Amino acid sequence: MLKDKGCLNVVGSCNGLICLVGDSGDYFTGEYRGYWFCVWNPATRTISEKFGYFSDFEIWPPDQHFKYPPNYNFKFGCDNSTGTYKVVASCYDLNQESSI
């Protein structure tokens, strides 16, 4: 059932619901990657349709194969003031130099 929706990685859980993320594209070739989400309710064994699609459109020239596309970290939760479930994405770029 989950495999059919293409959502295989767990983002998080909230109030008994489990948020899953799926992706397309190839990290190692630098092809842009697309992401979408599904919510699974294990109590009822139902899963939502895909929602929230976005893509990073990172294209890396072959001569820069050592560079890495940005990585995303996703979190799932509920906004108690509105009762709305939300997915938040943060991005970090391994190519950026930083110092502490």
C-alpha atoms as a PDB file:
ATOM      1  CA  MET A   1       0.000   0.000   0.000  1.00  0.00           C
ATOM      2  CA  LEU A   2       2.706   2.535   0.962  1.00  0.00           C
ATOM      3  CA  LYS A   3       4.971   1.439  -1.863  1.00  0.00           C
ATOM      4  CA  ASP A   4       2.171   2.119  -4.357  1.00  0.00           C
ATOM      5  CA  LYS A   5       2.083   5.786  -3.290  1.00  0.00           C
ATOM      6  CA  GLY A   6       5.850   6.166  -3.611  1.00  0.00           C
ATOM      7  CA  CYS A   7       6.172   7.502  -0.073  1.00  0.00           C
ATOM      8  CA  LEU A   8       8.712   5.318   1.673  1.00  0.00           C
ATOM      9  CA  ASN A   9      10.607   7.476   4.193  1.00  0.00           C
ATOM     10  CA  VAL A  10       9.162   8.607   7.518  1.00  0.00           C
ATOM     11  CA  VAL A  11       9.189  12.357   8.178  1.00  0.00           C
ATOM     12  CA  GLY A  12       7.561  12.135  11.609  1.00  0.00           C
ATOM     13  CA  SER A  13       4.364  11.424  13.476  1.00  0.00           C
ATOM     14  CA  CYS A  14       1.746  13.491  15.263  1.00  0.00           C
ATOM     15  CA  ASN A  15      -1.551  12.497  16.910  1.00  0.00           C
ATOM     16  CA  GLY A  16      -1.229   8.947  15.573  1.00  0.00           C
ATOM     17  CA  LEU A  17      -0.699  10.043  11.966  1.00  0.00           C
ATOM     18  CA  ILE A  18       2.563   9.276  10.187  1.00  0.00           C
ATOM     19  CA  CYS A  19       3.909  11.629   7.536  1.00  0.00           C
ATOM     20  CA  LEU A  20       5.919  10.028   4.740  1.00  0.00           C
ATOM     21  CA  VAL A  21       8.020  11.559   1.983  1.00  0.00           C
ATOM     22  CA  GLY A  22       8.811  10.255  -1.476  1.00  0.00           C
ATOM     23  CA  ASP A  23      11.297  11.597  -3.973  1.00  0.00           C
ATOM     24  CA  SER A  24      12.367  11.322  -7.573  1.00  0.00           C
ATOM     25  CA  GLY A  25      15.541  12.220  -9.373  1.00  0.00           C
ATOM     26  CA  ASP A  26      19.066  11.043  -8.764  1.00  0.00           C
ATOM     27  CA  TYR A  27      21.214  12.551  -6.030  1.00  0.00           C
ATOM     28  CA  PHE A  28      24.461  11.210  -7.482  1.00  0.00           C
ATOM     29  CA  THR A  29      24.000  12.437 -11.054  1.00  0.00           C
ATOM     30  CA  GLY A  30      22.888  15.889  -9.951  1.00  0.00           C
ATOM     31  CA  GLU A  31      19.491  15.555 -11.592  1.00  0.00           C
ATOM     32  CA  TYR A  32      16.916  17.770  -9.931  1.00  0.00           C
ATOM     33  CA  ARG A  33      14.916  16.073  -7.235  1.00  0.00           C
ATOM     34  CA  GLY A  34      11.189  16.254  -6.644  1.00  0.00           C
ATOM     35  CA  TYR A  35       9.538  15.607  -3.271  1.00  0.00           C
ATOM     36  CA  TRP A  36       5.971  14.844  -2.227  1.00  0.00           C
ATOM     37  CA  PHE A  37       4.248  13.769   0.962  1.00  0.00           C
ATOM     38  CA  CYS A  38       1.562  11.361   2.139  1.00  0.00           C
ATOM     39  CA  VAL A  39      -0.106  10.939   5.523  1.00  0.00           C
ATOM     40  CA  TRP A  40      -0.733   7.401   6.740  1.00  0.00           C
ATOM     41  CA  ASN A  41      -3.220   6.512   9.458  1.00  0.00           C
ATOM     42  CA  PRO A  42      -2.149   3.088  10.762  1.00  0.00           C
ATOM     43  CA  ALA A  43      -5.315   2.766  12.883  1.00  0.00           C
ATOM     44  CA  THR A  44      -7.564   2.852   9.818  1.00  0.00           C
ATOM     45  CA  ARG A  45      -4.915   1.574   7.388  1.00  0.00           C
ATOM     46  CA  THR A  46      -5.573   4.463   5.038  1.00  0.00           C
ATOM     47  CA  ILE A  47      -3.114   6.693   3.246  1.00  0.00           C
ATOM     48  CA  SER A  48      -3.707  10.094   1.698  1.00  0.00           C
ATOM     49  CA  GLU A  49      -3.068  11.037  -1.884  1.00  0.00           C
ATOM     50  CA  LYS A  50       0.286  12.679  -2.624  1.00  0.00           C
ATOM     51  CA  PHE A  51       0.422  16.362  -1.712  1.00  0.00           C
ATOM     52  CA  GLY A  52       2.882  19.239  -1.372  1.00  0.00           C
ATOM     53  CA  TYR A  53       5.061  18.503  -4.404  1.00  0.00           C
ATOM     54  CA  PHE A  54       8.148  20.664  -4.901  1.00  0.00           C
ATOM     55  CA  SER A  55      11.472  20.253  -6.686  1.00  0.00           C
ATOM     56  CA  ASP A  56      14.895  21.748  -6.106  1.00  0.00           C
ATOM     57  CA  PHE A  57      15.919  22.035  -9.786  1.00  0.00           C
ATOM     58  CA  GLU A  58      19.584  21.672  -8.906  1.00  0.00           C
ATOM     59  CA  ILE A  59      21.537  20.851 -12.050  1.00  0.00           C
ATOM     60  CA  TRP A  60      25.197  20.054 -11.627  1.00  0.00           C
ATOM     61  CA  PRO A  61      27.567  20.047 -14.631  1.00  0.00           C
ATOM     62  CA  PRO A  62      29.457  16.764 -15.169  1.00  0.00           C
ATOM     63  CA  ASP A  63      32.788  18.472 -14.394  1.00  0.00           C
ATOM     64  CA  GLN A  64      31.479  19.350 -10.928  1.00  0.00           C
ATOM     65  CA  HIS A  65      30.524  15.822  -9.939  1.00  0.00           C
ATOM     66  CA  PHE A  66      32.295  16.273  -6.600  1.00  0.00           C
ATOM     67  CA  LYS A  67      29.762  18.888  -5.550  1.00  0.00           C
ATOM     68  CA  TYR A  68      26.650  17.903  -3.674  1.00  0.00           C
ATOM     69  CA  PRO A  69      23.097  19.117  -4.221  1.00  0.00           C
ATOM     70  CA  PRO A  70      21.371  20.659  -1.189  1.00  0.00           C
ATOM     71  CA  ASN A  71      19.948  18.259   1.382  1.00  0.00           C
ATOM     72  CA  TYR A  72      16.540  18.659   2.965  1.00  0.00           C
ATOM     73  CA  ASN A  73      15.333  17.850   6.450  1.00  0.00           C
ATOM     74  CA  PHE A  74      11.562  17.570   6.939  1.00  0.00           C
ATOM     75  CA  LYS A  75       9.478  17.832  10.124  1.00  0.00           C
ATOM     76  CA  PHE A  76       5.776  17.089  10.630  1.00  0.00           C
ATOM     77  CA  GLY A  77       3.475  18.534  13.262  1.00  0.00           C
ATOM     78  CA  CYS A  78       0.153  20.121  14.084  1.00  0.00           C
ATOM     79  CA  ASP A  79      -0.548  23.827  14.538  1.00  0.00           C
ATOM     80  CA  ASN A  80      -2.752  23.694  17.641  1.00  0.00           C
ATOM     81  CA  SER A  81      -4.127  27.197  17.053  1.00  0.00           C
ATOM     82  CA  THR A  82      -5.679  26.178  13.717  1.00  0.00           C
ATOM     83  CA  GLY A  83      -5.772  22.368  13.915  1.00  0.00           C
ATOM     84  CA  THR A  84      -3.796  22.226  10.676  1.00  0.00           C
ATOM     85  CA  TYR A  85      -1.097  19.644  10.039  1.00  0.00           C
ATOM     86  CA  LYS A  86       2.061  21.046   8.498  1.00  0.00           C
ATOM     87  CA  VAL A  87       5.304  19.861   6.946  1.00  0.00           C
ATOM     88  CA  VAL A  88       8.333  22.113   7.350  1.00  0.00           C
ATOM     89  CA  ALA A  89      11.414  21.763   5.151  1.00  0.00           C
ATOM     90  CA  SER A  90      14.870  23.048   5.970  1.00  0.00           C
ATOM     91  CA  CYS A  91      17.752  22.974   3.535  1.00  0.00           C
ATOM     92  CA  TYR A  92      21.481  22.806   4.037  1.00  0.00           C
ATOM     93  CA  ASP A  93      24.156  22.983   1.387  1.00  0.00           C
ATOM     94  CA  LEU A  94      27.273  20.839   1.813  1.00  0.00           C
ATOM     95  CA  ASN A  95      29.089  23.031  -0.717  1.00  0.00           C
ATOM     96  CA  GLN A  96      29.025  26.114   1.489  1.00  0.00           C
ATOM     97  CA  GLU A  97      32.079  26.832   3.581  1.00  0.00           C
ATOM     98  CA  SER A  98      31.369  27.900   7.118  1.00  0.00           C
ATOM     99  CA  SER A  99      33.278  28.534  10.300  1.00  0.00           C
ATOM    100  CA  ILE A 100      32.246  28.448  13.924  1.00  0.00           C
END
